[in-house]
């Protein structure tokens, strides 16, 4: 029974999306507000990559995978 409600809801959403698309195309953008565009100047970022510490994600020699003894 829940699938009928889901199908009806999805059908309504598709119908509303189509109606909104057609309406916006017919109006030709009359609902759009004027947009002010600002362009920032070009920025170049330079830097050095640091080497990661040696102990990052390193397993101790005595550790094993779960369920698999070595």
PDB file of N, CA and C in Angstrom:
ATOM      1  N   UNK A   1       0.809  -1.179   0.000  1.00  0.00           N
ATOM      2  CA  UNK A   1       0.000   0.000   0.000  1.00  0.00           C
ATOM      3  C   UNK A   1       0.864   1.260   0.000  1.00  0.00           C
ATOM      4  N   UNK A   2       1.998   1.188   0.674  1.00  0.00           N
ATOM      5  CA  UNK A   2       2.874   2.359   0.723  1.00  0.00           C
ATOM      6  C   UNK A   2       3.432   2.693  -0.654  1.00  0.00           C
ATOM      7  N   UNK A   3       3.564   1.679  -1.517  1.00  0.00           N
ATOM      8  CA  UNK A   3       4.080   1.936  -2.861  1.00  0.00           C
ATOM      9  C   UNK A   3       3.118   2.790  -3.677  1.00  0.00           C
ATOM     10  N   UNK A   4       1.843   2.703  -3.405  1.00  0.00           N
ATOM     11  CA  UNK A   4       0.868   3.545  -4.114  1.00  0.00           C
ATOM     12  C   UNK A   4       1.018   5.009  -3.718  1.00  0.00           C
ATOM     13  N   UNK A   5       1.256   5.250  -2.431  1.00  0.00           N
ATOM     14  CA  UNK A   5       1.482   6.628  -1.984  1.00  0.00           C
ATOM     15  C   UNK A   5       2.778   7.175  -2.561  1.00  0.00           C
ATOM     16  N   UNK A   6       3.799   6.338  -2.596  1.00  0.00           N
ATOM     17  CA  UNK A   6       5.088   6.755  -3.145  1.00  0.00           C
ATOM     18  C   UNK A   6       4.960   7.068  -4.632  1.00  0.00           C
ATOM     19  N   UNK A   7       4.267   6.222  -5.369  1.00  0.00           N
ATOM     20  CA  UNK A   7       4.067   6.454  -6.792  1.00  0.00           C
ATOM     21  C   UNK A   7       3.276   7.736  -7.042  1.00  0.00           C
ATOM     22  N   UNK A   8       2.243   7.969  -6.249  1.00  0.00           N
ATOM     23  CA  UNK A   8       1.449   9.191  -6.397  1.00  0.00           C
ATOM     24  C   UNK A   8       2.278  10.429  -6.077  1.00  0.00           C
ATOM     25  N   UNK A   9       3.096  10.352  -5.042  1.00  0.00           N
ATOM     26  CA  UNK A   9       3.946  11.481  -4.666  1.00  0.00           C
ATOM     27  C   UNK A   9       4.981  11.767  -5.744  1.00  0.00           C
ATOM     28  N   UNK A  10       5.615  10.740  -6.260  1.00  0.00           N
ATOM     29  CA  UNK A  10       6.607  10.935  -7.315  1.00  0.00           C
ATOM     30  C   UNK A  10       5.965  11.484  -8.584  1.00  0.00           C
ATOM     31  N   UNK A  11       4.782  11.003  -8.925  1.00  0.00           N
ATOM     32  CA  UNK A  11       4.071  11.504 -10.104  1.00  0.00           C
ATOM     33  C   UNK A  11       3.736  12.981  -9.938  1.00  0.00           C
ATOM     34  N   UNK A  12       3.288  13.366  -8.765  1.00  0.00           N
ATOM     35  CA  UNK A  12       2.971  14.773  -8.502  1.00  0.00           C
ATOM     36  C   UNK A  12       4.223  15.640  -8.603  1.00  0.00           C
ATOM     37  N   UNK A  13       5.339  15.161  -8.065  1.00  0.00           N
ATOM     38  CA  UNK A  13       6.595  15.918  -8.131  1.00  0.00           C
ATOM     39  C   UNK A  13       7.061  16.096  -9.578  1.00  0.00           C
ATOM     40  N   UNK A  14       6.960  15.058 -10.378  1.00  0.00           N
ATOM     41  CA  UNK A  14       7.353  15.156 -11.788  1.00  0.00           C
ATOM     42  C   UNK A  14       6.441  16.125 -12.522  1.00  0.00           C
ATOM     43  N   UNK A  15       5.152  16.063 -12.250  1.00  0.00           N
ATOM     44  CA  UNK A  15       4.196  16.980 -12.873  1.00  0.00           C
ATOM     45  C   UNK A  15       4.503  18.427 -12.500  1.00  0.00           C
ATOM     46  N   UNK A  16       4.760  18.683 -11.220  1.00  0.00           N
ATOM     47  CA  UNK A  16       5.058  20.045 -10.775  1.00  0.00           C
ATOM     48  C   UNK A  16       6.368  20.554 -11.363  1.00  0.00           C
ATOM     49  N   UNK A  17       7.370  19.703 -11.449  1.00  0.00           N
ATOM     50  CA  UNK A  17       8.654  20.110 -12.036  1.00  0.00           C
ATOM     51  C   UNK A  17       8.480  20.448 -13.510  1.00  0.00           C
ATOM     52  N   UNK A  18       7.709  19.670 -14.227  1.00  0.00           N
ATOM     53  CA  UNK A  18       7.444  19.961 -15.633  1.00  0.00           C
ATOM     54  C   UNK A  18       6.673  21.252 -15.806  1.00  0.00           C
ATOM     55  N   UNK A  19       5.669  21.467 -14.962  1.00  0.00           N
ATOM     56  CA  UNK A  19       4.888  22.700 -15.045  1.00  0.00           C
ATOM     57  C   UNK A  19       5.755  23.915 -14.747  1.00  0.00           C
ATOM     58  N   UNK A  20       6.635  23.812 -13.777  1.00  0.00           N
ATOM     59  CA  UNK A  20       7.542  24.908 -13.442  1.00  0.00           C
ATOM     60  C   UNK A  20       8.513  25.186 -14.581  1.00  0.00           C
ATOM     61  N   UNK A  21       9.006  24.145 -15.216  1.00  0.00           N
ATOM     62  CA  UNK A  21       9.928  24.309 -16.338  1.00  0.00           C
ATOM     63  C   UNK A  21       9.242  24.989 -17.521  1.00  0.00           C
ATOM     64  N   UNK A  22       8.053  24.542 -17.837  1.00  0.00           N
ATOM     65  CA  UNK A  22       7.313  25.139 -18.957  1.00  0.00           C
ATOM     66  C   UNK A  22       6.967  26.593 -18.647  1.00  0.00           C
ATOM     67  N   UNK A  23       6.551  26.868 -17.417  1.00  0.00           N
ATOM     68  CA  UNK A  23       6.195  28.231 -17.029  1.00  0.00           C
ATOM     69  C   UNK A  23       7.395  29.167 -17.131  1.00  0.00           C
ATOM     70  N   UNK A  24       8.542  28.729 -16.666  1.00  0.00           N
ATOM     71  CA  UNK A  24       9.735  29.582 -16.733  1.00  0.00           C
ATOM     72  C   UNK A  24      10.177  29.796 -18.177  1.00  0.00           C
ATOM     73  N   UNK A  25       9.980  28.800 -19.041  1.00  0.00           N
ATOM     74  CA  UNK A  25      10.340  28.953 -20.448  1.00  0.00           C
ATOM     75  C   UNK A  25       9.378  29.911 -21.154  1.00  0.00           C
ATOM     76  N   UNK A  26       8.100  29.856 -20.812  1.00  0.00           N
ATOM     77  CA  UNK A  26       7.107  30.724 -21.436  1.00  0.00           C
ATOM     78  C   UNK A  26       7.318  32.174 -21.019  1.00  0.00           C
ATOM     79  N   UNK A  27       7.607  32.391 -19.768  1.00  0.00           N
ATOM     80  CA  UNK A  27       7.817  33.754 -19.279  1.00  0.00           C
ATOM     81  C   UNK A  27       9.125  34.346 -19.778  1.00  0.00           C
ATOM     82  N   UNK A  28      10.014  33.532 -20.256  1.00  0.00           N
ATOM     83  CA  UNK A  28      11.263  34.004 -20.840  1.00  0.00           C
ATOM     84  C   UNK A  28      12.191  34.678 -19.855  1.00  0.00           C
ATOM     85  N   UNK A  29      12.187  34.222 -18.648  1.00  0.00           N
ATOM     86  CA  UNK A  29      13.107  34.792 -17.669  1.00  0.00           C
ATOM     87  C   UNK A  29      12.604  36.079 -17.048  1.00  0.00           C
ATOM     88  N   UNK A  30      11.310  36.379 -17.150  1.00  0.00           N
ATOM     89  CA  UNK A  30      10.760  37.604 -16.572  1.00  0.00           C
ATOM     90  C   UNK A  30      10.822  37.579 -15.045  1.00  0.00           C
ATOM     91  N   UNK A  31      10.918  36.398 -14.470  1.00  0.00           N
ATOM     92  CA  UNK A  31      10.961  36.290 -13.013  1.00  0.00           C
ATOM     93  C   UNK A  31      12.371  36.408 -12.456  1.00  0.00           C
ATOM     94  N   UNK A  32      13.349  36.466 -13.324  1.00  0.00           N
ATOM     95  CA  UNK A  32      14.731  36.525 -12.858  1.00  0.00           C
ATOM     96  C   UNK A  32      15.072  37.925 -12.356  1.00  0.00           C
ATOM     97  N   UNK A  33      15.751  37.978 -11.257  1.00  0.00           N
ATOM     98  CA  UNK A  33      16.210  39.254 -10.714  1.00  0.00           C
ATOM     99  C   UNK A  33      17.541  39.601 -11.369  1.00  0.00           C
ATOM    100  N   UNK A  34      17.840  40.882 -11.518  1.00  0.00           N
ATOM    101  CA  UNK A  34      19.134  41.249 -12.089  1.00  0.00           C
ATOM    102  C   UNK A  34      20.269  40.783 -11.181  1.00  0.00           C
ATOM    103  N   UNK A  35      21.316  40.260 -11.799  1.00  0.00           N
ATOM    104  CA  UNK A  35      22.436  39.699 -11.056  1.00  0.00           C
ATOM    105  C   UNK A  35      23.658  40.571 -11.272  1.00  0.00           C
ATOM    106  N   UNK A  36      24.316  40.904 -10.191  1.00  0.00           N
ATOM    107  CA  UNK A  36      25.548  41.681 -10.266  1.00  0.00           C
ATOM    108  C   UNK A  36      26.719  40.709 -10.182  1.00  0.00           C
ATOM    109  N   UNK A  37      27.577  40.729 -11.185  1.00  0.00           N
ATOM    110  CA  UNK A  37      28.706  39.806 -11.249  1.00  0.00           C
ATOM    111  C   UNK A  37      29.974  40.559 -10.883  1.00  0.00           C
ATOM    112  N   UNK A  38      30.725  39.987  -9.974  1.00  0.00           N
ATOM    113  CA  UNK A  38      31.995  40.577  -9.557  1.00  0.00           C
ATOM    114  C   UNK A  38      33.102  39.603  -9.906  1.00  0.00           C
ATOM    115  N   UNK A  39      34.127  40.087 -10.582  1.00  0.00           N
ATOM    116  CA  UNK A  39      35.250  39.225 -10.950  1.00  0.00           C
ATOM    117  C   UNK A  39      36.458  39.631 -10.121  1.00  0.00           C
ATOM    118  N   UNK A  40      37.010  38.669  -9.409  1.00  0.00           N
ATOM    119  CA  UNK A  40      38.176  38.930  -8.571  1.00  0.00           C
ATOM    120  C   UNK A  40      39.446  38.814  -9.400  1.00  0.00           C
ATOM    121  N   UNK A  41      40.485  39.444  -8.910  1.00  0.00           N
ATOM    122  CA  UNK A  41      41.753  39.394  -9.632  1.00  0.00           C
ATOM    123  C   UNK A  41      42.384  38.009  -9.522  1.00  0.00           C
ATOM    124  N   UNK A  42      43.263  37.704 -10.454  1.00  0.00           N
ATOM    125  CA  UNK A  42      43.924  36.409 -10.526  1.00  0.00           C
ATOM    126  C   UNK A  42      44.913  36.260  -9.368  1.00  0.00           C
ATOM    127  N   UNK A  43      44.897  35.101  -8.717  1.00  0.00           N
ATOM    128  CA  UNK A  43      45.778  34.849  -7.581  1.00  0.00           C
ATOM    129  C   UNK A  43      46.569  33.583  -7.851  1.00  0.00           C
ATOM    130  N   UNK A  44      47.872  33.638  -7.598  1.00  0.00           N
ATOM    131  CA  UNK A  44      48.734  32.471  -7.735  1.00  0.00           C
ATOM    132  C   UNK A  44      49.211  32.086  -6.340  1.00  0.00           C
ATOM    133  N   UNK A  45      48.974  30.835  -5.972  1.00  0.00           N
ATOM    134  CA  UNK A  45      49.366  30.345  -4.655  1.00  0.00           C
ATOM    135  C   UNK A  45      50.540  29.400  -4.825  1.00  0.00           C
ATOM    136  N   UNK A  46      51.606  29.661  -4.118  1.00  0.00           N
ATOM    137  CA  UNK A  46      52.772  28.777  -4.153  1.00  0.00           C
ATOM    138  C   UNK A  46      53.072  28.313  -2.740  1.00  0.00           C
ATOM    139  N   UNK A  47      53.597  27.134  -2.638  1.00  0.00           N
ATOM    140  CA  UNK A  47      53.923  26.597  -1.324  1.00  0.00           C
ATOM    141  C   UNK A  47      54.658  25.281  -1.468  1.00  0.00           C
ATOM    142  N   UNK A  48      55.202  24.829  -0.359  1.00  0.00           N
ATOM    143  CA  UNK A  48      55.916  23.553  -0.341  1.00  0.00           C
ATOM    144  C   UNK A  48      55.087  22.531   0.409  1.00  0.00           C
ATOM    145  N   UNK A  49      55.099  21.334  -0.097  1.00  0.00           N
ATOM    146  CA  UNK A  49      54.393  20.249   0.562  1.00  0.00           C
ATOM    147  C   UNK A  49      55.330  19.606   1.580  1.00  0.00           C
ATOM    148  N   UNK A  50      54.857  19.501   2.813  1.00  0.00           N
ATOM    149  CA  UNK A  50      55.659  18.892   3.861  1.00  0.00           C
ATOM    150  C   UNK A  50      55.532  17.374   3.803  1.00  0.00           C
ATOM    151  N   UNK A  51      56.604  16.712   4.143  1.00  0.00           N
ATOM    152  CA  UNK A  51      56.572  15.250   4.196  1.00  0.00           C
ATOM    153  C   UNK A  51      55.729  14.825   5.397  1.00  0.00           C
ATOM    154  N   UNK A  52      54.883  13.804   5.229  1.00  0.00           N
ATOM    155  CA  UNK A  52      54.073  13.357   6.364  1.00  0.00           C
ATOM    156  C   UNK A  52      54.945  12.707   7.427  1.00  0.00           C
ATOM    157  N   UNK A  53      54.506  12.744   8.671  1.00  0.00           N
ATOM    158  CA  UNK A  53      55.269  12.062   9.725  1.00  0.00           C
ATOM    159  C   UNK A  53      55.365  10.562   9.437  1.00  0.00           C
ATOM    160  N   UNK A  54      56.409   9.942   9.894  1.00  0.00           N
ATOM    161  CA  UNK A  54      56.670   8.530   9.590  1.00  0.00           C
ATOM    162  C   UNK A  54      55.659   7.593  10.236  1.00  0.00           C
ATOM    163  N   UNK A  55      54.989   8.001  11.301  1.00  0.00           N
ATOM    164  CA  UNK A  55      54.108   7.080  12.019  1.00  0.00           C
ATOM    165  C   UNK A  55      52.640   7.210  11.604  1.00  0.00           C
ATOM    166  N   UNK A  56      52.342   7.861  10.516  1.00  0.00           N
ATOM    167  CA  UNK A  56      50.956   8.001  10.083  1.00  0.00           C
ATOM    168  C   UNK A  56      50.472   6.680   9.498  1.00  0.00           C
ATOM    169  N   UNK A  57      49.416   6.158  10.019  1.00  0.00           N
ATOM    170  CA  UNK A  57      48.771   4.933   9.559  1.00  0.00           C
ATOM    171  C   UNK A  57      49.735   3.754   9.480  1.00  0.00           C
ATOM    172  N   UNK A  58      50.689   3.706  10.360  1.00  0.00           N
ATOM    173  CA  UNK A  58      51.629   2.588  10.381  1.00  0.00           C
ATOM    174  C   UNK A  58      51.199   1.593  11.453  1.00  0.00           C
ATOM    175  N   UNK A  59      51.147   0.332  11.100  1.00  0.00           N
ATOM    176  CA  UNK A  59      50.773  -0.712  12.046  1.00  0.00           C
ATOM    177  C   UNK A  59      52.015  -1.252  12.735  1.00  0.00           C
ATOM    178  N   UNK A  60      51.846  -1.568  13.983  1.00  0.00           N
ATOM    179  CA  UNK A  60      52.951  -2.174  14.729  1.00  0.00           C
ATOM    180  C   UNK A  60      53.201  -3.584  14.187  1.00  0.00           C
ATOM    181  N   UNK A  61      54.414  -4.075  14.245  1.00  0.00           N
ATOM    182  CA  UNK A  61      54.710  -5.413  13.703  1.00  0.00           C
ATOM    183  C   UNK A  61      53.900  -6.528  14.357  1.00  0.00           C
ATOM    184  N   UNK A  62      53.480  -6.363  15.599  1.00  0.00           N
ATOM    185  CA  UNK A  62      52.747  -7.422  16.294  1.00  0.00           C
ATOM    186  C   UNK A  62      51.272  -7.438  15.912  1.00  0.00           C
ATOM    187  N   UNK A  63      50.765  -6.405  15.274  1.00  0.00           N
ATOM    188  CA  UNK A  63      49.350  -6.349  14.924  1.00  0.00           C
ATOM    189  C   UNK A  63      49.065  -7.229  13.708  1.00  0.00           C
ATOM    190  N   UNK A  64      47.881  -7.823  13.693  1.00  0.00           N
ATOM    191  CA  UNK A  64      47.460  -8.661  12.573  1.00  0.00           C
ATOM    192  C   UNK A  64      46.092  -8.194  12.090  1.00  0.00           C
ATOM    193  N   UNK A  65      45.694  -8.702  10.942  1.00  0.00           N
ATOM    194  CA  UNK A  65      44.358  -8.395  10.440  1.00  0.00           C
ATOM    195  C   UNK A  65      43.342  -9.129  11.305  1.00  0.00           C
ATOM    196  N   UNK A  66      42.149  -8.568  11.430  1.00  0.00           N
ATOM    197  CA  UNK A  66      41.117  -9.187  12.258  1.00  0.00           C
ATOM    198  C   UNK A  66      40.703 -10.524  11.650  1.00  0.00           C
ATOM    199  N   UNK A  67      40.756 -11.545  12.451  1.00  0.00           N
ATOM    200  CA  UNK A  67      40.333 -12.863  12.012  1.00  0.00           C
ATOM    201  C   UNK A  67      41.377 -13.632  11.211  1.00  0.00           C
ATOM    202  N   UNK A  68      42.510 -13.042  10.959  1.00  0.00           N
ATOM    203  CA  UNK A  68      43.562 -13.721  10.196  1.00  0.00           C
ATOM    204  C   UNK A  68      44.889 -13.644  10.946  1.00  0.00           C
ATOM    205  N   UNK A  69      45.190 -14.617  11.736  1.00  0.00           N
ATOM    206  CA  UNK A  69      46.496 -14.598  12.412  1.00  0.00           C
ATOM    207  C   UNK A  69      47.619 -14.808  11.401  1.00  0.00           C
ATOM    208  N   UNK A  70      48.720 -14.132  11.646  1.00  0.00           N
ATOM    209  CA  UNK A  70      49.840 -14.255  10.704  1.00  0.00           C
ATOM    210  C   UNK A  70      50.828 -15.282  11.183  1.00  0.00           C
TER     211      UNK A  70
END
